[in-house]
């Protein structure tokens, strides 16, 4: 289990305001992951149906596509997304 003190919060700094759009996006991705977990689809690529790698899901728990997929939905559009730091 990750020590909470090791978790870096990218969207809040002492001199900035929280990025509410990023927070909402992250929340939506988590809610989608929970739905997929409840329906048994969490461990499968949402397009191909291929099994998602357990290590990949551990790194990106909101991933909906396989790591080699260049498709929207690969990651959540929030902090886990490659575009998250493009500000």
Protein backbone atom coordinates (compact mmCIF):
# COMPACT_ATOMS: atom_id res chain seq x y z
CA UNK A 1 0.00 0.00 0.00
CA UNK A 2 1.27 3.47 -0.83
CA UNK A 3 2.21 5.70 2.06
CA UNK A 4 -0.03 8.82 1.77
CA UNK A 5 2.99 11.02 2.43
CA UNK A 6 4.56 9.64 -0.78
CA UNK A 7 1.64 10.75 -2.97
CA UNK A 8 2.39 13.91 -4.88
CA UNK A 9 -0.58 16.20 -5.55
CA UNK A 10 -0.05 17.80 -8.94
CA UNK A 11 -3.16 19.96 -9.10
CA UNK A 12 -2.80 21.99 -5.90
CA UNK A 13 0.11 24.11 -4.76
CA UNK A 14 0.21 26.63 -1.92
CA UNK A 15 0.11 29.50 -4.43
CA UNK A 16 -2.47 28.13 -6.86
CA UNK A 17 -6.12 27.24 -6.88
CA UNK A 18 -7.24 23.66 -7.45
CA UNK A 19 -7.90 22.77 -11.07
CA UNK A 20 -11.57 21.89 -10.73
CA UNK A 21 -11.80 20.61 -14.30
CA UNK A 22 -8.98 18.11 -13.63
CA UNK A 23 -10.60 17.06 -10.35
CA UNK A 24 -13.97 16.53 -12.06
CA UNK A 25 -12.28 14.58 -14.83
CA UNK A 26 -10.45 12.37 -12.34
CA UNK A 27 -13.68 11.76 -10.43
CA UNK A 28 -15.51 10.81 -13.63
CA UNK A 29 -12.71 8.36 -14.52
CA UNK A 30 -12.87 6.77 -11.06
CA UNK A 31 -16.66 6.51 -11.26
CA UNK A 32 -16.33 4.85 -14.70
CA UNK A 33 -13.76 2.40 -13.28
CA UNK A 34 -16.15 1.53 -10.43
CA UNK A 35 -18.98 0.86 -12.90
CA UNK A 36 -16.66 -1.33 -14.97
CA UNK A 37 -15.63 -3.17 -11.78
CA UNK A 38 -19.28 -3.76 -10.82
CA UNK A 39 -20.14 -5.09 -14.31
CA UNK A 40 -17.05 -7.31 -14.55
CA UNK A 41 -15.57 -5.31 -17.43
CA UNK A 42 -12.75 -3.66 -15.45
CA UNK A 43 -10.09 -6.17 -16.49
CA UNK A 44 -10.91 -6.00 -20.21
CA UNK A 45 -10.06 -3.51 -22.97
CA UNK A 46 -13.32 -1.67 -23.65
CA UNK A 47 -12.91 -1.93 -27.45
CA UNK A 48 -11.12 -5.20 -28.15
CA UNK A 49 -12.19 -7.17 -25.09
CA UNK A 50 -8.59 -8.27 -24.56
CA UNK A 51 -7.50 -8.76 -20.98
CA UNK A 52 -5.76 -5.71 -19.47
CA UNK A 53 -2.38 -6.27 -17.87
CA UNK A 54 -2.60 -6.35 -14.08
CA UNK A 55 0.60 -4.31 -13.72
CA UNK A 56 -0.80 -1.67 -16.10
CA UNK A 57 -4.01 -1.43 -14.07
CA UNK A 58 -1.93 -1.09 -10.90
CA UNK A 59 -0.14 1.92 -12.45
CA UNK A 60 -3.25 3.36 -14.17
CA UNK A 61 -6.33 2.08 -12.32
CA UNK A 62 -8.69 4.08 -14.53
CA UNK A 63 -7.25 2.74 -17.82
CA UNK A 64 -9.90 1.41 -20.20
CA UNK A 65 -7.59 0.39 -23.07
CA UNK A 66 -4.43 -1.69 -23.37
CA UNK A 67 -1.10 0.12 -22.96
CA UNK A 68 -0.24 -0.31 -26.66
CA UNK A 69 -3.46 1.34 -27.78
CA UNK A 70 -3.29 4.85 -29.27
CA UNK A 71 -6.92 5.63 -28.63
CA UNK A 72 -8.85 8.14 -26.57
CA UNK A 73 -9.98 6.33 -23.46
CA UNK A 74 -6.57 4.75 -23.01
CA UNK A 75 -6.27 6.71 -19.78
CA UNK A 76 -8.51 8.99 -17.90
CA UNK A 77 -8.21 12.58 -19.12
CA UNK A 78 -7.03 13.61 -15.65
CA UNK A 79 -3.69 13.22 -13.91
CA UNK A 80 -2.96 9.77 -15.38
CA UNK A 81 -3.22 11.08 -18.94
CA UNK A 82 -0.10 11.91 -20.96
CA UNK A 83 -1.74 15.27 -21.70
CA UNK A 84 -2.25 16.10 -18.03
CA UNK A 85 1.00 18.05 -17.73
CA UNK A 86 0.51 19.96 -21.00
CA UNK A 87 -0.56 23.18 -19.23
